[in-house]
């Protein structure tokens, strides 16, 4: 690091520490002596050889709070995480990130997309790189799965009537380029307490086991209207 870069990253350490010192709702953040935390960790940041090492010291400081939603994201990966709101519409399929791959997990009748296809890019954006960026940003956070899901859902959203240019990798490991239409989300607009209006739908099914009895599943889907959409599924 140049002297200017080192100062910039040490200033980041100081800014994070000071912000928690001034604005945390507890006199002792996380039950800690916050001045002692700085006295211990600031020298480690000063001795760091790279920006990533200084960021690791900042992350260590945040981890000691043992509280959610305290996380450092490097500026280099913000482009992958920041997805402009595109709309509440959705494509005729669903996908999940499994083993760091975006895979199609459900399709509507009539769509050319097939179960198990991998999403390679959306509107020219390489999806493997976006997944890697989120993985790097949330490698030590319990929020990793949620952030990956939000990023995928936001990329697959848009205004009803628009289309997404999606490159898939099919079962033969060949690229399939499709223009995928975006439709209005299925379900009804509902309100839950102080949350924003939410599109909700519930699906149910009965599965017979050896011709006797059955297994019932009910799957509620919620999409926050007016925000980067997220989908929550329970069984």
C-alpha atoms as a PDB file:
ATOM      1  CA  UNK A   1       0.000   0.000   0.000  1.00  0.00           C
ATOM      2  CA  UNK A   2       1.069   3.535  -0.648  1.00  0.00           C
ATOM      3  CA  UNK A   3       1.050   5.913   2.347  1.00  0.00           C
ATOM      4  CA  UNK A   4      -2.156   7.448   0.991  1.00  0.00           C
ATOM      5  CA  UNK A   5      -3.861   4.043   0.687  1.00  0.00           C
ATOM      6  CA  UNK A   6      -2.767   3.037   4.182  1.00  0.00           C
ATOM      7  CA  UNK A   7      -4.151   6.270   5.631  1.00  0.00           C
ATOM      8  CA  UNK A   8      -7.435   5.772   3.773  1.00  0.00           C
ATOM      9  CA  UNK A   9      -7.927   2.259   5.165  1.00  0.00           C
ATOM     10  CA  UNK A  10      -6.872   3.211   8.691  1.00  0.00           C
ATOM     11  CA  UNK A  11      -9.334   6.097   8.493  1.00  0.00           C
ATOM     12  CA  UNK A  12     -11.967   3.471   7.649  1.00  0.00           C
ATOM     13  CA  UNK A  13     -11.086   1.569  10.821  1.00  0.00           C
ATOM     14  CA  UNK A  14     -11.404   4.760  12.850  1.00  0.00           C
ATOM     15  CA  UNK A  15     -14.688   5.667  11.185  1.00  0.00           C
ATOM     16  CA  UNK A  16     -16.260   2.277  11.936  1.00  0.00           C
ATOM     17  CA  UNK A  17     -15.071   2.327  15.544  1.00  0.00           C
ATOM     18  CA  UNK A  18     -16.229   5.927  16.097  1.00  0.00           C
ATOM     19  CA  UNK A  19     -19.635   5.359  14.492  1.00  0.00           C
ATOM     20  CA  UNK A  20     -20.365   2.435  16.814  1.00  0.00           C
ATOM     21  CA  UNK A  21     -18.993   4.402  19.784  1.00  0.00           C
ATOM     22  CA  UNK A  22     -21.265   7.371  19.057  1.00  0.00           C
ATOM     23  CA  UNK A  23     -24.429   5.720  17.752  1.00  0.00           C
ATOM     24  CA  UNK A  24     -24.763   2.261  19.300  1.00  0.00           C
ATOM     25  CA  UNK A  25     -27.841   1.946  21.503  1.00  0.00           C
ATOM     26  CA  UNK A  26     -25.838   0.445  24.396  1.00  0.00           C
ATOM     27  CA  UNK A  27     -23.413   2.373  26.577  1.00  0.00           C
ATOM     28  CA  UNK A  28     -21.093  -0.594  26.223  1.00  0.00           C
ATOM     29  CA  UNK A  29     -21.652  -1.902  22.677  1.00  0.00           C
ATOM     30  CA  UNK A  30     -22.197  -5.640  22.859  1.00  0.00           C
ATOM     31  CA  UNK A  31     -21.251  -5.482  26.547  1.00  0.00           C
ATOM     32  CA  UNK A  32     -17.677  -4.604  25.550  1.00  0.00           C
ATOM     33  CA  UNK A  33     -15.218  -1.976  26.710  1.00  0.00           C
ATOM     34  CA  UNK A  34     -15.171  -0.284  23.311  1.00  0.00           C
ATOM     35  CA  UNK A  35     -12.103   1.813  24.096  1.00  0.00           C
ATOM     36  CA  UNK A  36     -10.205  -1.344  25.004  1.00  0.00           C
ATOM     37  CA  UNK A  37     -11.282  -2.971  21.732  1.00  0.00           C
ATOM     38  CA  UNK A  38      -9.785  -0.068  19.806  1.00  0.00           C
ATOM     39  CA  UNK A  39      -6.587  -0.125  21.875  1.00  0.00           C
ATOM     40  CA  UNK A  40      -6.152  -3.820  21.059  1.00  0.00           C
ATOM     41  CA  UNK A  41      -7.068  -3.841  17.372  1.00  0.00           C
ATOM     42  CA  UNK A  42      -5.849  -0.468  16.046  1.00  0.00           C
ATOM     43  CA  UNK A  43      -2.155  -1.553  16.252  1.00  0.00           C
ATOM     44  CA  UNK A  44      -3.023  -4.719  14.298  1.00  0.00           C
ATOM     45  CA  UNK A  45      -4.569  -2.570  11.582  1.00  0.00           C
ATOM     46  CA  UNK A  46      -1.453  -0.372  11.520  1.00  0.00           C
ATOM     47  CA  UNK A  47       0.762  -3.434  11.060  1.00  0.00           C
ATOM     48  CA  UNK A  48      -1.339  -4.891   8.227  1.00  0.00           C
ATOM     49  CA  UNK A  49       0.423  -5.284   4.891  1.00  0.00           C
ATOM     50  CA  UNK A  50      -2.605  -5.111   2.574  1.00  0.00           C
ATOM     51  CA  UNK A  51      -6.050  -3.470   2.458  1.00  0.00           C
ATOM     52  CA  UNK A  52      -7.677  -6.892   2.910  1.00  0.00           C
ATOM     53  CA  UNK A  53      -5.730  -7.434   6.140  1.00  0.00           C
ATOM     54  CA  UNK A  54      -6.965  -4.099   7.499  1.00  0.00           C
ATOM     55  CA  UNK A  55     -10.521  -5.025   6.498  1.00  0.00           C
ATOM     56  CA  UNK A  56     -10.128  -8.332   8.322  1.00  0.00           C
ATOM     57  CA  UNK A  57      -9.243  -6.418  11.486  1.00  0.00           C
ATOM     58  CA  UNK A  58     -12.354  -4.263  11.037  1.00  0.00           C
ATOM     59  CA  UNK A  59     -14.457  -7.397  10.548  1.00  0.00           C
ATOM     60  CA  UNK A  60     -12.955  -8.867  13.717  1.00  0.00           C
ATOM     61  CA  UNK A  61     -13.992  -5.716  15.578  1.00  0.00           C
ATOM     62  CA  UNK A  62     -17.551  -6.037  14.251  1.00  0.00           C
ATOM     63  CA  UNK A  63     -17.758  -9.771  15.022  1.00  0.00           C
ATOM     64  CA  UNK A  64     -17.061  -9.075  18.684  1.00  0.00           C
ATOM     65  CA  UNK A  65     -20.388  -7.285  18.906  1.00  0.00           C
ATOM     66  CA  UNK A  66     -22.113 -10.635  18.177  1.00  0.00           C
ATOM     67  CA  UNK A  67     -24.953  -8.774  16.500  1.00  0.00           C
ATOM     68  CA  UNK A  68     -26.520  -9.116  13.064  1.00  0.00           C
ATOM     69  CA  UNK A  69     -26.430  -6.421  10.378  1.00  0.00           C
ATOM     70  CA  UNK A  70     -22.950  -5.234  11.335  1.00  0.00           C
ATOM     71  CA  UNK A  71     -20.802  -6.094   8.348  1.00  0.00           C
ATOM     72  CA  UNK A  72     -18.066  -4.554   6.223  1.00  0.00           C
ATOM     73  CA  UNK A  73     -18.401  -4.732   2.444  1.00  0.00           C
ATOM     74  CA  UNK A  74     -15.402  -3.755   0.327  1.00  0.00           C
ATOM     75  CA  UNK A  75     -16.064  -1.068  -2.253  1.00  0.00           C
ATOM     76  CA  UNK A  76     -14.763  -3.369  -5.012  1.00  0.00           C
ATOM     77  CA  UNK A  77     -17.738  -5.703  -4.650  1.00  0.00           C
ATOM     78  CA  UNK A  78     -20.481  -3.115  -4.240  1.00  0.00           C
ATOM     79  CA  UNK A  79     -21.218  -3.195  -7.965  1.00  0.00           C
ATOM     80  CA  UNK A  80     -22.320  -6.800  -7.637  1.00  0.00           C
ATOM     81  CA  UNK A  81     -24.432  -6.186  -4.555  1.00  0.00           C
ATOM     82  CA  UNK A  82     -26.125  -2.955  -5.565  1.00  0.00           C
ATOM     83  CA  UNK A  83     -28.976  -3.815  -7.917  1.00  0.00           C
ATOM     84  CA  UNK A  84     -31.236  -0.918  -8.969  1.00  0.00           C
ATOM     85  CA  UNK A  85     -34.927  -1.540  -8.368  1.00  0.00           C
ATOM     86  CA  UNK A  86     -36.364  -2.795 -11.670  1.00  0.00           C
ATOM     87  CA  UNK A  87     -39.959  -3.632 -10.788  1.00  0.00           C
ATOM     88  CA  UNK A  88     -42.141  -6.273  -9.195  1.00  0.00           C
ATOM     89  CA  UNK A  89     -42.615  -8.432 -12.293  1.00  0.00           C
ATOM     90  CA  UNK A  90     -41.228 -11.950 -12.451  1.00  0.00           C
ATOM     91  CA  UNK A  91     -40.181 -14.473 -15.139  1.00  0.00           C
ATOM     92  CA  UNK A  92     -42.093 -17.739 -15.778  1.00  0.00           C
ATOM     93  CA  UNK A  93     -39.615 -19.740 -13.718  1.00  0.00           C
ATOM     94  CA  UNK A  94     -37.938 -19.714 -10.322  1.00  0.00           C
ATOM     95  CA  UNK A  95     -34.300 -20.215  -9.464  1.00  0.00           C
ATOM     96  CA  UNK A  96     -32.182 -20.825  -6.395  1.00  0.00           C
ATOM     97  CA  UNK A  97     -28.454 -20.568  -5.758  1.00  0.00           C
ATOM     98  CA  UNK A  98     -27.197 -24.065  -4.982  1.00  0.00           C
ATOM     99  CA  UNK A  99     -23.497 -24.763  -4.441  1.00  0.00           C
ATOM    100  CA  UNK A 100     -22.690 -21.291  -5.798  1.00  0.00           C
ATOM    101  CA  UNK A 101     -24.659 -21.855  -9.023  1.00  0.00           C
ATOM    102  CA  UNK A 102     -27.961 -20.237  -9.988  1.00  0.00           C
ATOM    103  CA  UNK A 103     -30.171 -23.173 -11.002  1.00  0.00           C
ATOM    104  CA  UNK A 104     -33.745 -23.238 -12.293  1.00  0.00           C
ATOM    105  CA  UNK A 105     -35.879 -25.011  -9.672  1.00  0.00           C
ATOM    106  CA  UNK A 106     -39.431 -24.495 -10.961  1.00  0.00           C
ATOM    107  CA  UNK A 107     -40.955 -23.645 -14.356  1.00  0.00           C
ATOM    108  CA  UNK A 108     -44.412 -22.711 -15.528  1.00  0.00           C
ATOM    109  CA  UNK A 109     -46.098 -24.690 -18.318  1.00  0.00           C
ATOM    110  CA  UNK A 110     -45.208 -23.506 -21.806  1.00  0.00           C
ATOM    111  CA  UNK A 111     -41.873 -21.925 -20.994  1.00  0.00           C
ATOM    112  CA  UNK A 112     -38.809 -23.170 -22.928  1.00  0.00           C
ATOM    113  CA  UNK A 113     -36.694 -23.005 -19.762  1.00  0.00           C
ATOM    114  CA  UNK A 114     -36.038 -26.415 -18.207  1.00  0.00           C
ATOM    115  CA  UNK A 115     -35.512 -27.584 -14.654  1.00  0.00           C
ATOM    116  CA  UNK A 116     -31.872 -27.774 -13.669  1.00  0.00           C
ATOM    117  CA  UNK A 117     -30.599 -25.259 -16.227  1.00  0.00           C
ATOM    118  CA  UNK A 118     -27.900 -22.955 -14.910  1.00  0.00           C
ATOM    119  CA  UNK A 119     -28.119 -19.183 -15.330  1.00  0.00           C
ATOM    120  CA  UNK A 120     -24.877 -17.965 -16.894  1.00  0.00           C
ATOM    121  CA  UNK A 121     -25.757 -14.302 -17.445  1.00  0.00           C
ATOM    122  CA  UNK A 122     -28.668 -11.870 -17.208  1.00  0.00           C
ATOM    123  CA  UNK A 123     -28.731  -8.876 -19.555  1.00  0.00           C
ATOM    124  CA  UNK A 124     -25.043  -9.418 -20.250  1.00  0.00           C
ATOM    125  CA  UNK A 125     -24.037  -9.550 -16.579  1.00  0.00           C
ATOM    126  CA  UNK A 126     -21.876 -12.595 -15.774  1.00  0.00           C
ATOM    127  CA  UNK A 127     -23.672 -14.323 -12.932  1.00  0.00           C
ATOM    128  CA  UNK A 128     -20.790 -16.439 -11.657  1.00  0.00           C
ATOM    129  CA  UNK A 129     -18.845 -13.234 -10.958  1.00  0.00           C
ATOM    130  CA  UNK A 130     -21.794 -11.758  -9.060  1.00  0.00           C
ATOM    131  CA  UNK A 131     -22.113 -14.876  -6.920  1.00  0.00           C
ATOM    132  CA  UNK A 132     -18.376 -14.825  -6.191  1.00  0.00           C
ATOM    133  CA  UNK A 133     -18.591 -11.170  -5.153  1.00  0.00           C
ATOM    134  CA  UNK A 134     -21.424 -11.834  -2.705  1.00  0.00           C
ATOM    135  CA  UNK A 135     -19.589 -14.908  -1.395  1.00  0.00           C
ATOM    136  CA  UNK A 136     -16.511 -12.773  -0.752  1.00  0.00           C
ATOM    137  CA  UNK A 137     -18.455  -9.969   0.923  1.00  0.00           C
ATOM    138  CA  UNK A 138     -20.431 -12.274   3.230  1.00  0.00           C
ATOM    139  CA  UNK A 139     -17.967 -15.143   3.666  1.00  0.00           C
ATOM    140  CA  UNK A 140     -18.010 -14.759   7.465  1.00  0.00           C
ATOM    141  CA  UNK A 141     -21.642 -13.724   7.822  1.00  0.00           C
ATOM    142  CA  UNK A 142     -24.830 -15.654   8.491  1.00  0.00           C
ATOM    143  CA  UNK A 143     -26.464 -13.336   5.948  1.00  0.00           C
ATOM    144  CA  UNK A 144     -24.685 -14.977   2.990  1.00  0.00           C
ATOM    145  CA  UNK A 145     -27.617 -17.131   1.869  1.00  0.00           C
ATOM    146  CA  UNK A 146     -30.120 -14.299   2.226  1.00  0.00           C
ATOM    147  CA  UNK A 147     -27.947 -11.852   0.263  1.00  0.00           C
ATOM    148  CA  UNK A 148     -27.359 -14.359  -2.522  1.00  0.00           C
ATOM    149  CA  UNK A 149     -31.084 -14.977  -2.767  1.00  0.00           C
ATOM    150  CA  UNK A 150     -31.913 -11.250  -2.767  1.00  0.00           C
ATOM    151  CA  UNK A 151     -29.327 -10.554  -5.456  1.00  0.00           C
ATOM    152  CA  UNK A 152     -30.680 -13.353  -7.670  1.00  0.00           C
ATOM    153  CA  UNK A 153     -34.305 -12.334  -7.143  1.00  0.00           C
ATOM    154  CA  UNK A 154     -33.554  -8.692  -7.917  1.00  0.00           C
ATOM    155  CA  UNK A 155     -31.708  -9.609 -11.128  1.00  0.00           C
ATOM    156  CA  UNK A 156     -34.678 -11.715 -12.231  1.00  0.00           C
ATOM    157  CA  UNK A 157     -37.186  -8.922 -11.673  1.00  0.00           C
ATOM    158  CA  UNK A 158     -38.483  -6.183 -13.931  1.00  0.00           C
ATOM    159  CA  UNK A 159     -41.484  -4.249 -15.095  1.00  0.00           C
ATOM    160  CA  UNK A 160     -44.345  -6.419 -16.413  1.00  0.00           C
ATOM    161  CA  UNK A 161     -44.144  -6.514 -20.212  1.00  0.00           C
ATOM    162  CA  UNK A 162     -40.358  -6.176 -20.292  1.00  0.00           C
ATOM    163  CA  UNK A 163     -37.958  -8.975 -21.201  1.00  0.00           C
ATOM    164  CA  UNK A 164     -34.705 -10.294 -19.786  1.00  0.00           C
ATOM    165  CA  UNK A 165     -31.878 -11.531 -22.012  1.00  0.00           C
ATOM    166  CA  UNK A 166     -30.731 -14.654 -20.172  1.00  0.00           C
ATOM    167  CA  UNK A 167     -28.003 -17.100 -21.155  1.00  0.00           C
ATOM    168  CA  UNK A 168     -28.595 -20.561 -19.697  1.00  0.00           C
ATOM    169  CA  UNK A 169     -26.382 -23.645 -19.643  1.00  0.00           C
ATOM    170  CA  UNK A 170     -28.545 -26.675 -20.430  1.00  0.00           C
ATOM    171  CA  UNK A 171     -28.262 -30.342 -19.487  1.00  0.00           C
ATOM    172  CA  UNK A 172     -25.812 -30.894 -22.374  1.00  0.00           C
ATOM    173  CA  UNK A 173     -23.558 -28.110 -21.073  1.00  0.00           C
ATOM    174  CA  UNK A 174     -24.505 -25.925 -24.040  1.00  0.00           C
ATOM    175  CA  UNK A 175     -25.472 -22.278 -23.922  1.00  0.00           C
ATOM    176  CA  UNK A 176     -29.111 -21.438 -24.597  1.00  0.00           C
ATOM    177  CA  UNK A 177     -29.831 -17.728 -25.144  1.00  0.00           C
ATOM    178  CA  UNK A 178     -33.446 -16.725 -24.511  1.00  0.00           C
ATOM    179  CA  UNK A 179     -35.503 -13.560 -24.292  1.00  0.00           C
ATOM    180  CA  UNK A 180     -37.597 -14.217 -21.191  1.00  0.00           C
ATOM    181  CA  UNK A 181     -40.803 -12.208 -20.692  1.00  0.00           C
ATOM    182  CA  UNK A 182     -41.602 -10.541 -17.387  1.00  0.00           C
ATOM    183  CA  UNK A 183     -45.172 -10.826 -16.079  1.00  0.00           C
ATOM    184  CA  UNK A 184     -47.004  -9.305 -13.136  1.00  0.00           C
ATOM    185  CA  UNK A 185     -46.459 -11.298  -9.938  1.00  0.00           C
ATOM    186  CA  UNK A 186     -49.144 -13.818  -9.120  1.00  0.00           C
ATOM    187  CA  UNK A 187     -51.020 -13.299  -5.880  1.00  0.00           C
ATOM    188  CA  UNK A 188     -52.753 -10.538  -3.986  1.00  0.00           C
ATOM    189  CA  UNK A 189     -51.408  -7.381  -2.402  1.00  0.00           C
ATOM    190  CA  UNK A 190     -51.533  -7.649   1.373  1.00  0.00           C
ATOM    191  CA  UNK A 191     -50.250  -5.741   4.401  1.00  0.00           C
ATOM    192  CA  UNK A 192     -48.395  -7.200   7.374  1.00  0.00           C
ATOM    193  CA  UNK A 193     -47.973  -4.824  10.287  1.00  0.00           C
ATOM    194  CA  UNK A 194     -45.474  -2.079   9.436  1.00  0.00           C
ATOM    195  CA  UNK A 195     -44.011  -3.880   6.432  1.00  0.00           C
ATOM    196  CA  UNK A 196     -44.570  -2.363   2.976  1.00  0.00           C
ATOM    197  CA  UNK A 197     -47.434  -3.774   0.860  1.00  0.00           C
ATOM    198  CA  UNK A 198     -46.574  -7.348  -0.099  1.00  0.00           C
ATOM    199  CA  UNK A 199     -47.701  -9.592  -2.952  1.00  0.00           C
ATOM    200  CA  UNK A 200     -48.651 -12.948  -1.428  1.00  0.00           C
ATOM    201  CA  UNK A 201     -49.694 -16.269  -2.919  1.00  0.00           C
ATOM    202  CA  UNK A 202     -50.133 -19.696  -1.350  1.00  0.00           C
ATOM    203  CA  UNK A 203     -49.795 -22.994  -3.169  1.00  0.00           C
ATOM    204  CA  UNK A 204     -50.790 -26.387  -1.785  1.00  0.00           C
ATOM    205  CA  UNK A 205     -50.484 -29.962  -2.983  1.00  0.00           C
ATOM    206  CA  UNK A 206     -51.388 -33.486  -1.841  1.00  0.00           C
ATOM    207  CA  UNK A 207     -48.986 -36.345  -2.430  1.00  0.00           C
ATOM    208  CA  UNK A 208     -50.096 -39.942  -1.937  1.00  0.00           C
ATOM    209  CA  UNK A 209     -47.637 -42.394  -0.422  1.00  0.00           C
ATOM    210  CA  UNK A 210     -48.108 -45.973  -1.713  1.00  0.00           C
ATOM    211  CA  UNK A 211     -51.746 -45.169  -2.364  1.00  0.00           C
ATOM    212  CA  UNK A 212     -52.446 -44.450   1.310  1.00  0.00           C
ATOM    213  CA  UNK A 213     -52.817 -41.093   3.028  1.00  0.00           C
ATOM    214  CA  UNK A 214     -50.994 -38.088   1.764  1.00  0.00           C
ATOM    215  CA  UNK A 215     -48.488 -35.346   2.411  1.00  0.00           C
ATOM    216  CA  UNK A 216     -49.779 -31.788   2.250  1.00  0.00           C
ATOM    217  CA  UNK A 217     -47.564 -28.820   1.577  1.00  0.00           C
ATOM    218  CA  UNK A 218     -48.466 -25.146   1.697  1.00  0.00           C
ATOM    219  CA  UNK A 219     -45.962 -22.716   0.268  1.00  0.00           C
ATOM    220  CA  UNK A 220     -46.493 -18.984   0.860  1.00  0.00           C
ATOM    221  CA  UNK A 221     -44.608 -16.618  -1.435  1.00  0.00           C
ATOM    222  CA  UNK A 222     -44.066 -12.982  -0.490  1.00  0.00           C
ATOM    223  CA  UNK A 223     -42.622 -10.249  -2.702  1.00  0.00           C
ATOM    224  CA  UNK A 224     -42.101  -6.810  -1.203  1.00  0.00           C
ATOM    225  CA  UNK A 225     -43.668  -4.236  -3.490  1.00  0.00           C
ATOM    226  CA  UNK A 226     -41.656  -1.062  -3.989  1.00  0.00           C
ATOM    227  CA  UNK A 227     -38.390  -2.682  -2.877  1.00  0.00           C
ATOM    228  CA  UNK A 228     -35.821  -4.980  -4.413  1.00  0.00           C
ATOM    229  CA  UNK A 229     -37.981  -8.115  -4.402  1.00  0.00           C
ATOM    230  CA  UNK A 230     -37.256 -10.978  -2.086  1.00  0.00           C
ATOM    231  CA  UNK A 231     -38.974 -14.335  -2.006  1.00  0.00           C
ATOM    232  CA  UNK A 232     -39.423 -16.297   1.181  1.00  0.00           C
ATOM    233  CA  UNK A 233     -40.513 -19.930   1.027  1.00  0.00           C
ATOM    234  CA  UNK A 234     -41.547 -22.228   3.873  1.00  0.00           C
ATOM    235  CA  UNK A 235     -42.816 -25.771   3.835  1.00  0.00           C
END
